[in-house]
Protein backbone atom coordinates (compact mmCIF):
# COMPACT_ATOMS: atom_id res chain seq x y z
CA UNK A 1 0.00 0.00 0.00
CA UNK A 2 1.32 3.43 -0.91
CA UNK A 3 0.09 6.79 0.41
CA UNK A 4 1.31 10.27 -0.36
CA UNK A 5 1.12 13.52 1.57
CA UNK A 6 2.14 17.00 0.47
CA UNK A 7 4.40 18.89 2.83
CA UNK A 8 6.71 21.90 2.78
CA UNK A 9 10.49 21.59 3.17
CA UNK A 10 12.77 24.49 4.02
CA UNK A 11 16.19 25.01 2.45
CA UNK A 12 18.46 27.52 4.18
CA UNK A 13 21.40 29.14 2.39
CA UNK A 14 23.07 32.32 3.59
CA UNK A 15 20.47 35.04 4.18
CA UNK A 16 17.73 33.15 2.30
CA UNK A 17 15.22 30.43 3.08
CA UNK A 18 13.29 28.67 0.34
CA UNK A 19 9.99 26.90 0.98
CA UNK A 20 9.57 23.96 -1.38
CA UNK A 21 6.45 21.85 -1.84
CA UNK A 22 7.34 18.15 -1.82
CA UNK A 23 5.31 14.98 -1.70
CA UNK A 24 6.18 12.40 0.95
CA UNK A 25 5.62 8.81 -0.12
CA UNK A 26 4.60 6.33 2.58
CA UNK A 27 4.87 2.60 1.89
CA UNK A 28 5.07 -0.61 3.90
CA UNK A 29 8.84 -0.79 3.41
CA UNK A 30 11.49 0.12 5.96
CA UNK A 31 12.62 3.16 3.94
CA UNK A 32 9.35 5.01 4.32
CA UNK A 33 8.67 7.96 4.16
CA UNK A 34 10.71 9.25 1.27
CA UNK A 35 10.45 11.85 -1.47
CA UNK A 36 10.59 11.36 -5.22
CA UNK A 37 13.81 11.79 -7.15
CA UNK A 38 12.24 14.75 -8.96
CA UNK A 39 11.51 16.52 -5.65
CA UNK A 40 15.04 15.78 -4.41
CA UNK A 41 16.51 17.29 -7.59
CA UNK A 42 14.26 20.33 -7.19
CA UNK A 43 15.54 20.87 -3.65
CA UNK A 44 19.13 20.55 -4.91
CA UNK A 45 18.47 23.03 -7.73
CA UNK A 46 17.02 25.57 -5.32
CA UNK A 47 19.93 25.15 -2.89
CA UNK A 48 22.46 25.49 -5.72
CA UNK A 49 20.77 28.62 -7.08
CA UNK A 50 20.78 30.25 -3.65
CA UNK A 51 24.47 29.39 -3.15
CA UNK A 52 25.27 31.11 -6.45
CA UNK A 53 23.14 34.13 -5.54
CA UNK A 54 20.64 33.42 -8.33
CA UNK A 55 17.53 34.36 -6.36
CA UNK A 56 15.43 34.72 -9.53
CA UNK A 57 16.03 31.08 -10.49
CA UNK A 58 15.40 29.88 -6.94
CA UNK A 59 12.17 31.90 -6.82
CA UNK A 60 11.00 30.26 -10.04
CA UNK A 61 11.19 26.86 -8.28
CA UNK A 62 10.11 27.77 -4.72
CA UNK A 63 9.01 30.59 -2.44
CA UNK A 64 12.12 32.46 -1.30
CA UNK A 65 12.37 34.57 1.84
CA UNK A 66 15.11 36.85 3.12
CA UNK A 67 16.30 36.36 6.68
CA UNK A 68 16.80 39.48 8.76
CA UNK A 69 18.71 39.33 12.05
CA UNK A 70 16.80 40.58 15.06
CA UNK A 71 18.66 42.98 17.33
CA UNK A 72 18.02 42.21 20.99
C-alpha atoms as a PDB file:
ATOM      1  CA  UNK A   1       0.000   0.000   0.000  1.00  0.00           C
ATOM      2  CA  UNK A   2       1.317   3.432  -0.914  1.00  0.00           C
ATOM      3  CA  UNK A   3       0.092   6.786   0.414  1.00  0.00           C
ATOM      4  CA  UNK A   4       1.310  10.275  -0.357  1.00  0.00           C
ATOM      5  CA  UNK A   5       1.119  13.516   1.569  1.00  0.00           C
ATOM      6  CA  UNK A   6       2.138  17.005   0.473  1.00  0.00           C
ATOM      7  CA  UNK A   7       4.396  18.892   2.825  1.00  0.00           C
ATOM      8  CA  UNK A   8       6.708  21.902   2.779  1.00  0.00           C
ATOM      9  CA  UNK A   9      10.485  21.594   3.168  1.00  0.00           C
ATOM     10  CA  UNK A  10      12.772  24.485   4.021  1.00  0.00           C
ATOM     11  CA  UNK A  11      16.187  25.007   2.453  1.00  0.00           C
ATOM     12  CA  UNK A  12      18.458  27.521   4.184  1.00  0.00           C
ATOM     13  CA  UNK A  13      21.400  29.138   2.387  1.00  0.00           C
ATOM     14  CA  UNK A  14      23.066  32.325   3.590  1.00  0.00           C
ATOM     15  CA  UNK A  15      20.468  35.035   4.180  1.00  0.00           C
ATOM     16  CA  UNK A  16      17.727  33.146   2.303  1.00  0.00           C
ATOM     17  CA  UNK A  17      15.220  30.425   3.083  1.00  0.00           C
ATOM     18  CA  UNK A  18      13.288  28.666   0.336  1.00  0.00           C
ATOM     19  CA  UNK A  19       9.988  26.903   0.983  1.00  0.00           C
ATOM     20  CA  UNK A  20       9.571  23.960  -1.378  1.00  0.00           C
ATOM     21  CA  UNK A  21       6.448  21.847  -1.838  1.00  0.00           C
ATOM     22  CA  UNK A  22       7.342  18.148  -1.825  1.00  0.00           C
ATOM     23  CA  UNK A  23       5.306  14.978  -1.700  1.00  0.00           C
ATOM     24  CA  UNK A  24       6.176  12.401   0.948  1.00  0.00           C
ATOM     25  CA  UNK A  25       5.620   8.815  -0.116  1.00  0.00           C
ATOM     26  CA  UNK A  26       4.600   6.326   2.575  1.00  0.00           C
ATOM     27  CA  UNK A  27       4.870   2.596   1.893  1.00  0.00           C
ATOM     28  CA  UNK A  28       5.070  -0.606   3.905  1.00  0.00           C
ATOM     29  CA  UNK A  29       8.844  -0.788   3.410  1.00  0.00           C
ATOM     30  CA  UNK A  30      11.491   0.117   5.956  1.00  0.00           C
ATOM     31  CA  UNK A  31      12.616   3.164   3.937  1.00  0.00           C
ATOM     32  CA  UNK A  32       9.347   5.013   4.318  1.00  0.00           C
ATOM     33  CA  UNK A  33       8.666   7.964   4.163  1.00  0.00           C
ATOM     34  CA  UNK A  34      10.709   9.252   1.275  1.00  0.00           C
ATOM     35  CA  UNK A  35      10.450  11.851  -1.473  1.00  0.00           C
ATOM     36  CA  UNK A  36      10.588  11.358  -5.219  1.00  0.00           C
ATOM     37  CA  UNK A  37      13.814  11.786  -7.145  1.00  0.00           C
ATOM     38  CA  UNK A  38      12.239  14.750  -8.955  1.00  0.00           C
ATOM     39  CA  UNK A  39      11.512  16.520  -5.646  1.00  0.00           C
ATOM     40  CA  UNK A  40      15.044  15.782  -4.413  1.00  0.00           C
ATOM     41  CA  UNK A  41      16.514  17.294  -7.594  1.00  0.00           C
ATOM     42  CA  UNK A  42      14.255  20.327  -7.193  1.00  0.00           C
ATOM     43  CA  UNK A  43      15.538  20.875  -3.646  1.00  0.00           C
ATOM     44  CA  UNK A  44      19.134  20.548  -4.912  1.00  0.00           C
ATOM     45  CA  UNK A  45      18.467  23.026  -7.733  1.00  0.00           C
ATOM     46  CA  UNK A  46      17.017  25.575  -5.319  1.00  0.00           C
ATOM     47  CA  UNK A  47      19.930  25.153  -2.892  1.00  0.00           C
ATOM     48  CA  UNK A  48      22.463  25.486  -5.722  1.00  0.00           C
ATOM     49  CA  UNK A  49      20.766  28.619  -7.083  1.00  0.00           C
ATOM     50  CA  UNK A  50      20.782  30.248  -3.647  1.00  0.00           C
ATOM     51  CA  UNK A  51      24.471  29.391  -3.149  1.00  0.00           C
ATOM     52  CA  UNK A  52      25.268  31.106  -6.449  1.00  0.00           C
ATOM     53  CA  UNK A  53      23.138  34.125  -5.539  1.00  0.00           C
ATOM     54  CA  UNK A  54      20.642  33.423  -8.333  1.00  0.00           C
ATOM     55  CA  UNK A  55      17.527  34.363  -6.362  1.00  0.00           C
ATOM     56  CA  UNK A  56      15.435  34.723  -9.527  1.00  0.00           C
ATOM     57  CA  UNK A  57      16.029  31.080 -10.488  1.00  0.00           C
ATOM     58  CA  UNK A  58      15.396  29.883  -6.945  1.00  0.00           C
ATOM     59  CA  UNK A  59      12.175  31.903  -6.817  1.00  0.00           C
ATOM     60  CA  UNK A  60      11.000  30.256 -10.039  1.00  0.00           C
ATOM     61  CA  UNK A  61      11.190  26.864  -8.276  1.00  0.00           C
ATOM     62  CA  UNK A  62      10.112  27.771  -4.721  1.00  0.00           C
ATOM     63  CA  UNK A  63       9.010  30.589  -2.444  1.00  0.00           C
ATOM     64  CA  UNK A  64      12.123  32.459  -1.302  1.00  0.00           C
ATOM     65  CA  UNK A  65      12.369  34.573   1.844  1.00  0.00           C
ATOM     66  CA  UNK A  66      15.112  36.854   3.119  1.00  0.00           C
ATOM     67  CA  UNK A  67      16.301  36.360   6.683  1.00  0.00           C
ATOM     68  CA  UNK A  68      16.797  39.482   8.758  1.00  0.00           C
ATOM     69  CA  UNK A  69      18.712  39.331  12.048  1.00  0.00           C
ATOM     70  CA  UNK A  70      16.803  40.576  15.059  1.00  0.00           C
ATOM     71  CA  UNK A  71      18.663  42.978  17.329  1.00  0.00           C
ATOM     72  CA  UNK A  72      18.019  42.211  20.986  1.00  0.00           C
END
